[in-house]
Amino acid sequence: MRTHIKELRARHGLTQEELARMVGVRRETILFLEKGKYNPSLKLACKIALALQASIDEIFIFEEEDLK
């Protein structure tokens, strides 16, 4: 899965650490999400969307192979 977290985070002037604090996870979790190495729970995806003032669809790009 690909994401636009890094771009949206930069647009809001947030560091990985700041976003992590806002959504209640470790900085490494944000790093792994940005690199596509971690699939978030629906709850975490919603928290990130709220923090970045974007929809889940704007942030997370699901590809067909991700759904298999």
PDB file of N, CA and C in Angstrom:
ATOM      1  N   MET A   1       0.842  -1.172   0.000  1.00  0.00           N
ATOM      2  CA  MET A   1       0.000   0.000   0.000  1.00  0.00           C
ATOM      3  C   MET A   1       0.891   1.240   0.000  1.00  0.00           C
ATOM      4  N   ARG A   2       0.486   2.194  -0.815  1.00  0.00           N
ATOM      5  CA  ARG A   2       1.201   3.466  -0.848  1.00  0.00           C
ATOM      6  C   ARG A   2       0.385   4.499  -0.079  1.00  0.00           C
ATOM      7  N   THR A   3       1.062   5.547   0.371  1.00  0.00           N
ATOM      8  CA  THR A   3       0.362   6.607   1.096  1.00  0.00           C
ATOM      9  C   THR A   3       0.864   7.979   0.662  1.00  0.00           C
ATOM     10  N   HIS A   4       0.089   8.978   1.012  1.00  0.00           N
ATOM     11  CA  HIS A   4       0.479  10.376   0.806  1.00  0.00           C
ATOM     12  C   HIS A   4       0.752  11.037   2.162  1.00  0.00           C
ATOM     13  N   ILE A   5       1.038  10.235   3.155  1.00  0.00           N
ATOM     14  CA  ILE A   5       1.248  10.784   4.502  1.00  0.00           C
ATOM     15  C   ILE A   5       2.393  11.786   4.511  1.00  0.00           C
ATOM     16  N   LYS A   6       3.501  11.426   3.912  1.00  0.00           N
ATOM     17  CA  LYS A   6       4.676  12.295   3.953  1.00  0.00           C
ATOM     18  C   LYS A   6       4.370  13.659   3.330  1.00  0.00           C
ATOM     19  N   GLU A   7       3.699  13.653   2.174  1.00  0.00           N
ATOM     20  CA  GLU A   7       3.380  14.905   1.494  1.00  0.00           C
ATOM     21  C   GLU A   7       2.406  15.746   2.317  1.00  0.00           C
ATOM     22  N   LEU A   8       1.363  15.105   2.841  1.00  0.00           N
ATOM     23  CA  LEU A   8       0.373  15.832   3.633  1.00  0.00           C
ATOM     24  C   LEU A   8       0.966  16.330   4.945  1.00  0.00           C
ATOM     25  N   ARG A   9       1.815  15.514   5.536  1.00  0.00           N
ATOM     26  CA  ARG A   9       2.474  15.898   6.788  1.00  0.00           C
ATOM     27  C   ARG A   9       3.343  17.140   6.553  1.00  0.00           C
ATOM     28  N   ALA A  10       4.080  17.143   5.440  1.00  0.00           N
ATOM     29  CA  ALA A  10       4.939  18.290   5.105  1.00  0.00           C
ATOM     30  C   ALA A  10       4.088  19.539   4.841  1.00  0.00           C
ATOM     31  N   ARG A  11       2.956  19.354   4.176  1.00  0.00           N
ATOM     32  CA  ARG A  11       2.072  20.486   3.885  1.00  0.00           C
ATOM     33  C   ARG A  11       1.592  21.160   5.169  1.00  0.00           C
ATOM     34  N   HIS A  12       1.434  20.359   6.221  1.00  0.00           N
ATOM     35  CA  HIS A  12       0.989  20.887   7.512  1.00  0.00           C
ATOM     36  C   HIS A  12       2.156  21.274   8.419  1.00  0.00           C
ATOM     37  N   GLY A  13       3.382  21.106   7.920  1.00  0.00           N
ATOM     38  CA  GLY A  13       4.553  21.482   8.694  1.00  0.00           C
ATOM     39  C   GLY A  13       4.785  20.603   9.907  1.00  0.00           C
ATOM     40  N   LEU A  14       4.391  19.331   9.803  1.00  0.00           N
ATOM     41  CA  LEU A  14       4.536  18.401  10.922  1.00  0.00           C
ATOM     42  C   LEU A  14       5.721  17.465  10.717  1.00  0.00           C
ATOM     43  N   THR A  15       6.416  17.165  11.791  1.00  0.00           N
ATOM     44  CA  THR A  15       7.451  16.136  11.743  1.00  0.00           C
ATOM     45  C   THR A  15       6.779  14.784  11.966  1.00  0.00           C
ATOM     46  N   GLN A  16       7.516  13.724  11.717  1.00  0.00           N
ATOM     47  CA  GLN A  16       6.995  12.381  12.007  1.00  0.00           C
ATOM     48  C   GLN A  16       6.654  12.271  13.491  1.00  0.00           C
ATOM     49  N   GLU A  17       7.497  12.804  14.324  1.00  0.00           N
ATOM     50  CA  GLU A  17       7.298  12.750  15.773  1.00  0.00           C
ATOM     51  C   GLU A  17       6.007  13.476  16.178  1.00  0.00           C
ATOM     52  N   GLU A  18       5.792  14.644  15.606  1.00  0.00           N
ATOM     53  CA  GLU A  18       4.585  15.419  15.947  1.00  0.00           C
ATOM     54  C   GLU A  18       3.315  14.698  15.511  1.00  0.00           C
ATOM     55  N   LEU A  19       3.316  14.151  14.297  1.00  0.00           N
ATOM     56  CA  LEU A  19       2.150  13.409  13.828  1.00  0.00           C
ATOM     57  C   LEU A  19       1.926  12.175  14.687  1.00  0.00           C
ATOM     58  N   ALA A  20       3.010  11.489  15.023  1.00  0.00           N
ATOM     59  CA  ALA A  20       2.904  10.294  15.864  1.00  0.00           C
ATOM     60  C   ALA A  20       2.255  10.637  17.206  1.00  0.00           C
ATOM     61  N   ARG A  21       2.688  11.732  17.816  1.00  0.00           N
ATOM     62  CA  ARG A  21       2.105  12.162  19.092  1.00  0.00           C
ATOM     63  C   ARG A  21       0.619  12.466  18.945  1.00  0.00           C
ATOM     64  N   MET A  22       0.254  13.112  17.853  1.00  0.00           N
ATOM     65  CA  MET A  22      -1.137  13.487  17.619  1.00  0.00           C
ATOM     66  C   MET A  22      -2.058  12.268  17.505  1.00  0.00           C
ATOM     67  N   VAL A  23      -1.539  11.178  16.943  1.00  0.00           N
ATOM     68  CA  VAL A  23      -2.385  10.001  16.717  1.00  0.00           C
ATOM     69  C   VAL A  23      -2.105   8.866  17.701  1.00  0.00           C
ATOM     70  N   GLY A  24      -1.161   9.076  18.613  1.00  0.00           N
ATOM     71  CA  GLY A  24      -0.920   8.106  19.670  1.00  0.00           C
ATOM     72  C   GLY A  24      -0.114   6.881  19.293  1.00  0.00           C
ATOM     73  N   VAL A  25       0.876   7.073  18.397  1.00  0.00           N
ATOM     74  CA  VAL A  25       1.765   5.968  18.030  1.00  0.00           C
ATOM     75  C   VAL A  25       3.217   6.432  18.136  1.00  0.00           C
ATOM     76  N   ARG A  26       4.140   5.511  17.900  1.00  0.00           N
ATOM     77  CA  ARG A  26       5.559   5.859  17.900  1.00  0.00           C
ATOM     78  C   ARG A  26       5.955   6.446  16.543  1.00  0.00           C
ATOM     79  N   ARG A  27       7.017   7.215  16.527  1.00  0.00           N
ATOM     80  CA  ARG A  27       7.514   7.811  15.281  1.00  0.00           C
ATOM     81  C   ARG A  27       7.805   6.743  14.241  1.00  0.00           C
ATOM     82  N   GLU A  28       8.310   5.608  14.684  1.00  0.00           N
ATOM     83  CA  GLU A  28       8.638   4.517  13.762  1.00  0.00           C
ATOM     84  C   GLU A  28       7.406   4.017  13.012  1.00  0.00           C
ATOM     85  N   THR A  29       6.263   4.063  13.665  1.00  0.00           N
ATOM     86  CA  THR A  29       5.026   3.637  13.000  1.00  0.00           C
ATOM     87  C   THR A  29       4.725   4.554  11.825  1.00  0.00           C
ATOM     88  N   ILE A  30       4.894   5.858  12.017  1.00  0.00           N
ATOM     89  CA  ILE A  30       4.680   6.818  10.931  1.00  0.00           C
ATOM     90  C   ILE A  30       5.695   6.566   9.820  1.00  0.00           C
ATOM     91  N   LEU A  31       6.942   6.324  10.182  1.00  0.00           N
ATOM     92  CA  LEU A  31       7.982   6.013   9.200  1.00  0.00           C
ATOM     93  C   LEU A  31       7.585   4.790   8.373  1.00  0.00           C
ATOM     94  N   PHE A  32       7.169   3.713   9.025  1.00  0.00           N
ATOM     95  CA  PHE A  32       6.786   2.488   8.322  1.00  0.00           C
ATOM     96  C   PHE A  32       5.562   2.717   7.448  1.00  0.00           C
ATOM     97  N   LEU A  33       4.617   3.515   7.908  1.00  0.00           N
ATOM     98  CA  LEU A  33       3.446   3.839   7.094  1.00  0.00           C
ATOM     99  C   LEU A  33       3.865   4.601   5.838  1.00  0.00           C
ATOM    100  N   GLU A  34       4.750   5.574   6.004  1.00  0.00           N
ATOM    101  CA  GLU A  34       5.203   6.375   4.867  1.00  0.00           C
ATOM    102  C   GLU A  34       5.943   5.522   3.847  1.00  0.00           C
ATOM    103  N   LYS A  35       6.637   4.496   4.306  1.00  0.00           N
ATOM    104  CA  LYS A  35       7.394   3.626   3.407  1.00  0.00           C
ATOM    105  C   LYS A  35       6.551   2.475   2.862  1.00  0.00           C
ATOM    106  N   GLY A  36       5.288   2.391   3.299  1.00  0.00           N
ATOM    107  CA  GLY A  36       4.415   1.325   2.819  1.00  0.00           C
ATOM    108  C   GLY A  36       4.706  -0.029   3.419  1.00  0.00           C
ATOM    109  N   LYS A  37       5.366  -0.043   4.582  1.00  0.00           N
ATOM    110  CA  LYS A  37       5.746  -1.302   5.220  1.00  0.00           C
ATOM    111  C   LYS A  37       4.804  -1.699   6.349  1.00  0.00           C
ATOM    112  N   TYR A  38       3.726  -0.934   6.538  1.00  0.00           N
ATOM    113  CA  TYR A  38       2.804  -1.202   7.639  1.00  0.00           C
ATOM    114  C   TYR A  38       1.405  -0.800   7.210  1.00  0.00           C
ATOM    115  N   ASN A  39       0.451  -1.688   7.419  1.00  0.00           N
ATOM    116  CA  ASN A  39      -0.947  -1.379   7.137  1.00  0.00           C
ATOM    117  C   ASN A  39      -1.621  -0.993   8.445  1.00  0.00           C
ATOM    118  N   PRO A  40      -2.162   0.205   8.510  1.00  0.00           N
ATOM    119  CA  PRO A  40      -2.764   0.674   9.763  1.00  0.00           C
ATOM    120  C   PRO A  40      -4.134   0.040  10.000  1.00  0.00           C
ATOM    121  N   SER A  41      -4.523   0.030  11.245  1.00  0.00           N
ATOM    122  CA  SER A  41      -5.895  -0.352  11.577  1.00  0.00           C
ATOM    123  C   SER A  41      -6.814   0.746  11.054  1.00  0.00           C
ATOM    124  N   LEU A  42      -8.095   0.439  10.956  1.00  0.00           N
ATOM    125  CA  LEU A  42      -9.054   1.450  10.524  1.00  0.00           C
ATOM    126  C   LEU A  42      -9.063   2.618  11.504  1.00  0.00           C
ATOM    127  N   LYS A  43      -8.950   2.322  12.792  1.00  0.00           N
ATOM    128  CA  LYS A  43      -8.940   3.365  13.816  1.00  0.00           C
ATOM    129  C   LYS A  43      -7.752   4.310  13.626  1.00  0.00           C
ATOM    130  N   LEU A  44      -6.565   3.750  13.388  1.00  0.00           N
ATOM    131  CA  LEU A  44      -5.380   4.582  13.175  1.00  0.00           C
ATOM    132  C   LEU A  44      -5.509   5.373  11.873  1.00  0.00           C
ATOM    133  N   ALA A  45      -6.019   4.751  10.821  1.00  0.00           N
ATOM    134  CA  ALA A  45      -6.210   5.450   9.554  1.00  0.00           C
ATOM    135  C   ALA A  45      -7.128   6.658   9.744  1.00  0.00           C
ATOM    136  N   CYS A  46      -8.178   6.494  10.522  1.00  0.00           N
ATOM    137  CA  CYS A  46      -9.108   7.595  10.797  1.00  0.00           C
ATOM    138  C   CYS A  46      -8.428   8.703  11.590  1.00  0.00           C
ATOM    139  N   LYS A  47      -7.623   8.340  12.579  1.00  0.00           N
ATOM    140  CA  LYS A  47      -6.906   9.340  13.371  1.00  0.00           C
ATOM    141  C   LYS A  47      -5.936  10.135  12.497  1.00  0.00           C
ATOM    142  N   ILE A  48      -5.249   9.448  11.600  1.00  0.00           N
ATOM    143  CA  ILE A  48      -4.310  10.122  10.701  1.00  0.00           C
ATOM    144  C   ILE A  48      -5.065  11.060   9.763  1.00  0.00           C
ATOM    145  N   ALA A  49      -6.183  10.597   9.240  1.00  0.00           N
ATOM    146  CA  ALA A  49      -6.991  11.429   8.348  1.00  0.00           C
ATOM    147  C   ALA A  49      -7.459  12.698   9.062  1.00  0.00           C
ATOM    148  N   LEU A  50      -7.904  12.554  10.292  1.00  0.00           N
ATOM    149  CA  LEU A  50      -8.334  13.731  11.057  1.00  0.00           C
ATOM    150  C   LEU A  50      -7.170  14.681  11.298  1.00  0.00           C
ATOM    151  N   ALA A  51      -6.026  14.134  11.685  1.00  0.00           N
ATOM    152  CA  ALA A  51      -4.856  14.959  11.984  1.00  0.00           C
ATOM    153  C   ALA A  51      -4.366  15.709  10.745  1.00  0.00           C
ATOM    154  N   LEU A  52      -4.474  15.067   9.573  1.00  0.00           N
ATOM    155  CA  LEU A  52      -3.974  15.677   8.343  1.00  0.00           C
ATOM    156  C   LEU A  52      -5.078  16.394   7.561  1.00  0.00           C
ATOM    157  N   GLN A  53      -6.269  16.427   8.141  1.00  0.00           N
ATOM    158  CA  GLN A  53      -7.414  17.103   7.521  1.00  0.00           C
ATOM    159  C   GLN A  53      -7.634  16.627   6.088  1.00  0.00           C
ATOM    160  N   ALA A  54      -7.670  15.305   5.941  1.00  0.00           N
ATOM    161  CA  ALA A  54      -7.857  14.690   4.623  1.00  0.00           C
ATOM    162  C   ALA A  54      -8.725  13.447   4.794  1.00  0.00           C
ATOM    163  N   SER A  55      -9.218  12.944   3.691  1.00  0.00           N
ATOM    164  CA  SER A  55     -10.000  11.708   3.763  1.00  0.00           C
ATOM    165  C   SER A  55      -9.058  10.512   3.706  1.00  0.00           C
ATOM    166  N   ILE A  56      -9.541   9.389   4.156  1.00  0.00           N
ATOM    167  CA  ILE A  56      -8.734   8.158   4.091  1.00  0.00           C
ATOM    168  C   ILE A  56      -8.347   7.875   2.649  1.00  0.00           C
ATOM    169  N   ASP A  57      -9.272   8.085   1.722  1.00  0.00           N
ATOM    170  CA  ASP A  57      -8.994   7.852   0.298  1.00  0.00           C
ATOM    171  C   ASP A  57      -7.891   8.750  -0.241  1.00  0.00           C
ATOM    172  N   GLU A  58      -7.778   9.960   0.292  1.00  0.00           N
ATOM    173  CA  GLU A  58      -6.726  10.876  -0.148  1.00  0.00           C
ATOM    174  C   GLU A  58      -5.356  10.439   0.370  1.00  0.00           C
ATOM    175  N   ILE A  59      -5.340   9.755   1.505  1.00  0.00           N
ATOM    176  CA  ILE A  59      -4.080   9.402   2.161  1.00  0.00           C
ATOM    177  C   ILE A  59      -3.559   8.037   1.733  1.00  0.00           C
ATOM    178  N   PHE A  60      -4.454   7.056   1.705  1.00  0.00           N
ATOM    179  CA  PHE A  60      -4.038   5.674   1.463  1.00  0.00           C
ATOM    180  C   PHE A  60      -4.442   5.225   0.069  1.00  0.00           C
ATOM    181  N   ILE A  61      -3.482   4.703  -0.681  1.00  0.00           N
ATOM    182  CA  ILE A  61      -3.713   4.221  -2.037  1.00  0.00           C
ATOM    183  C   ILE A  61      -3.628   2.702  -2.025  1.00  0.00           C
ATOM    184  N   PHE A  62      -4.796   2.084  -2.132  1.00  0.00           N
ATOM    185  CA  PHE A  62      -4.848   0.632  -2.146  1.00  0.00           C
ATOM    186  C   PHE A  62      -4.743   0.141  -3.580  1.00  0.00           C
ATOM    187  N   GLU A  63      -3.880  -0.829  -3.781  1.00  0.00           N
ATOM    188  CA  GLU A  63      -3.733  -1.435  -5.090  1.00  0.00           C
ATOM    189  C   GLU A  63      -4.338  -2.832  -5.021  1.00  0.00           C
ATOM    190  N   GLU A  64      -4.682  -3.374  -6.156  1.00  0.00           N
ATOM    191  CA  GLU A  64      -5.374  -4.672  -6.201  1.00  0.00           C
ATOM    192  C   GLU A  64      -4.628  -5.750  -5.426  1.00  0.00           C
ATOM    193  N   GLU A  65      -3.315  -5.797  -5.539  1.00  0.00           N
ATOM    194  CA  GLU A  65      -2.543  -6.813  -4.819  1.00  0.00           C
ATOM    195  C   GLU A  65      -2.600  -6.654  -3.302  1.00  0.00           C
ATOM    196  N   ASP A  66      -2.871  -5.432  -2.827  1.00  0.00           N
ATOM    197  CA  ASP A  66      -2.998  -5.197  -1.391  1.00  0.00           C
ATOM    198  C   ASP A  66      -4.226  -5.889  -0.822  1.00  0.00           C
ATOM    199  N   LEU A  67      -5.221  -6.112  -1.655  1.00  0.00           N
ATOM    200  CA  LEU A  67      -6.484  -6.669  -1.198  1.00  0.00           C
ATOM    201  C   LEU A  67      -6.522  -8.188  -1.282  1.00  0.00           C
ATOM    202  N   LYS A  68      -5.470  -8.802  -1.773  1.00  0.00           N
ATOM    203  CA  LYS A  68      -5.434 -10.273  -1.893  1.00  0.00           C
ATOM    204  C   LYS A  68      -4.905 -10.915  -0.648  1.00  0.00           C
TER     205      LYS A  68
END
